Protein backbone atom coordinates (compact mmCIF):
# COMPACT_ATOMS: atom_id res chain seq x y z
CA MET A 1 -21.89 -10.17 8.90
CA ARG A 2 -22.72 -13.55 7.41
CA ILE A 3 -20.48 -15.23 4.87
CA PRO A 4 -21.86 -17.81 2.42
CA ASP A 5 -20.72 -21.37 3.15
CA GLY A 6 -17.32 -22.13 1.65
CA ASP A 7 -16.49 -18.48 0.94
CA SER A 8 -14.39 -15.93 2.75
CA VAL A 9 -14.39 -12.17 3.11
CA THR A 10 -11.31 -10.00 3.52
CA LEU A 11 -11.94 -6.75 5.36
CA ALA A 12 -9.71 -3.76 4.66
CA LEU A 13 -8.92 -1.03 7.20
CA THR A 14 -7.69 2.27 5.78
CA ASP A 15 -6.40 5.63 6.98
CA THR A 16 -8.44 8.76 6.24
CA ASP A 17 -6.55 9.23 2.95
CA GLY A 18 -7.40 5.70 1.80
CA THR A 19 -3.99 4.14 2.53
CA LEU A 20 -4.45 0.49 3.45
CA ARG A 21 -3.41 -0.11 7.07
CA ALA A 22 -4.47 -3.71 7.64
CA THR A 23 -6.49 -6.59 6.30
CA GLY A 24 -8.21 -9.37 8.13
CA ILE A 25 -10.65 -12.16 7.67
CA LEU A 26 -13.78 -12.25 9.77
CA ASP A 27 -12.65 -15.07 12.10
CA GLN A 28 -9.35 -13.24 12.75
CA LEU A 29 -11.21 -10.03 13.63
CA ARG A 30 -13.51 -11.92 15.98
CA ARG A 31 -10.50 -13.43 17.79
CA LEU A 32 -8.82 -10.02 18.08
CA ALA A 33 -11.98 -8.42 19.42
CA ARG A 34 -12.30 -11.09 22.11
CA ARG A 35 -8.62 -10.93 23.04
CA GLY A 36 -8.17 -7.17 22.84
CA CYS A 37 -4.80 -5.53 23.32
CA PRO A 38 -2.17 -8.03 24.53
CA ASP A 39 -0.19 -5.24 26.25
CA HIS A 40 -3.19 -3.78 28.12
CA PRO A 41 -5.56 -6.70 28.78
CA ALA A 42 -7.45 -4.98 31.56
CA ASP A 43 -8.83 -1.59 30.59
CA ARG A 44 -8.49 -0.18 34.10
CA ASP A 45 -9.57 3.43 33.59
CA GLY A 46 -12.32 2.82 31.07
CA GLU A 47 -10.22 4.41 28.31
CA ASP A 48 -8.98 2.76 25.16
CA CYS A 49 -5.24 2.14 25.05
CA GLU A 50 -5.14 2.97 21.29
CA CYS A 51 -2.64 0.19 20.57
CA ALA A 52 -2.72 -1.20 17.05
CA VAL A 53 -4.27 -4.63 17.57
CA LEU A 54 -4.47 -5.16 13.80
CA ASP A 55 -1.79 -3.72 11.52
CA ARG A 56 0.34 -4.62 8.53
CA PRO A 57 1.72 -8.14 8.57
CA GLU A 58 5.26 -8.48 9.91
CA PRO A 59 8.16 -8.88 7.42
CA VAL A 60 9.42 -12.41 6.85
CA ASP A 61 13.00 -13.56 6.28
CA ARG A 62 12.38 -15.52 3.08
CA TYR A 63 11.48 -15.00 -0.58
CA THR A 64 7.84 -16.10 -0.43
CA PRO A 65 5.42 -13.67 1.26
CA SER A 66 3.40 -14.96 4.20
CA PRO A 67 -0.31 -15.62 3.56
CA ALA A 68 -1.14 -12.43 5.52
CA GLN A 69 1.29 -10.39 3.38
CA ASP A 70 -0.11 -11.87 0.18
CA ARG A 71 -3.67 -11.01 1.31
CA PHE A 72 -2.56 -7.46 2.24
CA VAL A 73 -0.80 -6.79 -1.10
CA ARG A 74 -3.61 -8.25 -3.22
CA THR A 75 -6.24 -6.31 -1.24
CA ARG A 76 -4.21 -3.10 -1.59
CA ASP A 77 -3.49 -3.44 -5.31
CA ARG A 78 -6.61 -5.27 -6.64
CA THR A 79 -5.18 -5.24 -10.20
CA CYS A 80 -1.85 -5.27 -12.03
CA ARG A 81 -0.28 -2.00 -10.91
CA PHE A 82 1.51 -1.30 -14.20
CA PRO A 83 0.09 1.97 -15.58
CA THR A 84 -2.95 1.39 -17.83
CA CYS A 85 -2.99 -2.42 -17.38
CA GLY A 86 -5.72 -3.24 -14.85
CA ARG A 87 -5.59 -7.04 -15.20
CA ARG A 88 -7.35 -8.59 -12.20
CA VAL A 89 -5.24 -9.49 -9.16
CA GLY A 90 -6.18 -13.16 -9.51
CA TRP A 91 -3.99 -13.23 -12.63
CA ALA A 92 -1.13 -11.23 -11.12
CA ASP A 93 2.12 -12.11 -9.34
CA ALA A 94 3.13 -10.45 -6.07
CA ASP A 95 6.52 -9.22 -7.32
CA HIS A 96 9.36 -7.78 -5.23
CA VAL A 97 9.93 -4.27 -6.61
CA ILE A 98 13.47 -4.40 -5.20
CA PRO A 99 14.46 -7.97 -6.07
CA HIS A 100 14.91 -10.29 -3.11
CA ALA A 101 18.30 -11.36 -4.51
CA CYS A 102 19.41 -7.71 -4.37
CA GLY A 103 18.39 -7.24 -0.74
CA GLY A 104 14.72 -6.44 -1.25
CA ALA A 105 12.68 -7.20 1.84
CA THR A 106 9.67 -9.47 1.91
CA ASP A 107 7.36 -7.02 3.64
CA CYS A 108 4.25 -5.15 2.55
CA ALA A 109 6.21 -2.12 1.34
CA ASN A 110 8.14 -4.04 -1.36
CA PRO A 111 5.86 -6.42 -3.29
CA CYS A 112 3.25 -5.18 -5.73
CA CYS A 113 0.92 -7.03 -8.06
CA LEU A 114 2.04 -7.26 -11.67
CA CYS A 115 0.48 -9.43 -14.37
CA ARG A 116 2.84 -12.00 -15.83
CA SER A 117 3.66 -9.81 -18.88
CA HIS A 118 4.58 -6.77 -16.78
CA HIS A 119 6.39 -8.92 -14.21
CA ARG A 120 8.59 -10.26 -17.03
CA LEU A 121 9.08 -6.76 -18.45
CA LYS A 122 10.25 -5.50 -15.05
CA THR A 123 12.51 -8.48 -14.50
CA PHE A 124 14.11 -8.95 -17.93
CA ALA A 125 13.80 -5.73 -19.98
CA ARG A 126 16.69 -3.32 -19.57
CA GLY A 127 16.26 0.30 -18.57
CA TRP A 128 12.91 0.13 -16.80
CA ARG A 129 12.81 1.50 -13.24
CA PHE A 130 10.16 0.71 -10.65
CA HIS A 131 9.78 2.37 -7.24
CA LEU A 132 7.15 1.52 -4.62
CA SER A 133 6.57 3.91 -1.73
CA PRO A 134 5.68 2.50 1.72
CA ASP A 135 2.02 3.45 1.20
CA GLY A 136 1.81 1.55 -2.10
CA VAL A 137 2.28 4.29 -4.73
CA LEU A 138 4.09 2.73 -7.72
CA THR A 139 6.25 4.87 -10.01
CA VAL A 140 7.38 3.34 -13.31
CA THR A 141 9.99 5.00 -15.54
CA THR A 142 10.49 3.78 -19.10
CA PRO A 143 13.93 3.50 -20.72
CA SER A 144 13.16 6.74 -22.60
CA GLY A 145 12.50 8.60 -19.32
CA ILE A 146 8.70 8.75 -19.29
CA THR A 147 7.40 8.37 -15.74
CA ARG A 148 3.93 7.23 -14.71
CA THR A 149 2.56 6.82 -11.19
CA THR A 150 -0.27 4.59 -10.01
CA ARG A 151 -1.97 4.68 -6.63
CA PRO A 152 -3.75 1.77 -5.01
CA PRO A 153 -7.49 1.91 -5.73
CA GLY A 154 -9.28 3.94 -3.07
CA MET A 155 -6.20 5.96 -2.12
CA ARG A 156 -6.73 9.67 -2.55
CA PRO A 157 -4.05 11.77 -4.24
CA PRO A 158 -2.12 14.21 -2.07
CA PRO A 159 -3.57 17.74 -1.83
CA PRO A 160 -2.18 20.16 -4.41
CA ALA A 161 0.79 22.25 -3.35
CA PRO A 162 0.04 25.92 -2.73
CA ASP A 163 0.87 28.28 -5.57
CA PRO A 164 4.19 30.07 -5.09
CA PRO A 165 4.04 33.88 -4.86
CA PRO A 166 4.69 35.73 -8.13
CA ASP A 167 8.34 36.64 -8.74
CA ASP A 168 7.67 40.40 -8.85
CA VAL A 169 6.12 40.57 -5.35
CA ASP A 170 8.33 41.15 -2.31
CA PRO A 171 7.05 38.73 0.38
CA GLY A 172 7.96 41.25 3.11
CA ASP A 173 5.96 44.06 1.50
CA ASP A 174 2.54 44.23 3.18
CA GLN A 175 1.52 47.49 1.51
CA PRO A 176 -0.70 47.46 -1.58
CA PRO A 177 0.91 48.86 -4.70
CA SER A 178 0.46 52.61 -5.11
């Protein structure tokens, strides 16, 4: 892969369901490929060790996310995550869903991208509730109780739950009705 002079490319690695697992820039991936697994430097049996050489950035013990965390969150979210907003991530803040002052961690499972208007709404308007799952699904509940959920772009929704059996059928009855 060739990158134009002065530009950069962020590569995203996802699970089969589209959940973002890791991000990296090309130079970082080249270094990791040369180094390999730090725990198993010599592949003695010719088999891969399957260690995660590239994964989510580690949590930090401060308010400001690390550059790797910021890249991960912005790559995962791509836009303001407030339902129906869609403002580009370049104009969004990486906001702690659980405020840092209230014990919210600075790791990739807490910040999400919100445009300045929705960041202020979350921070200052009473009655709004925000919840971010570890895989990046954001649930927003309005003061009137309306709940909306947004998934990171590229993440597939969970498969539908199987239909429950009808109430008038005995699950232990294997015989067809007579």
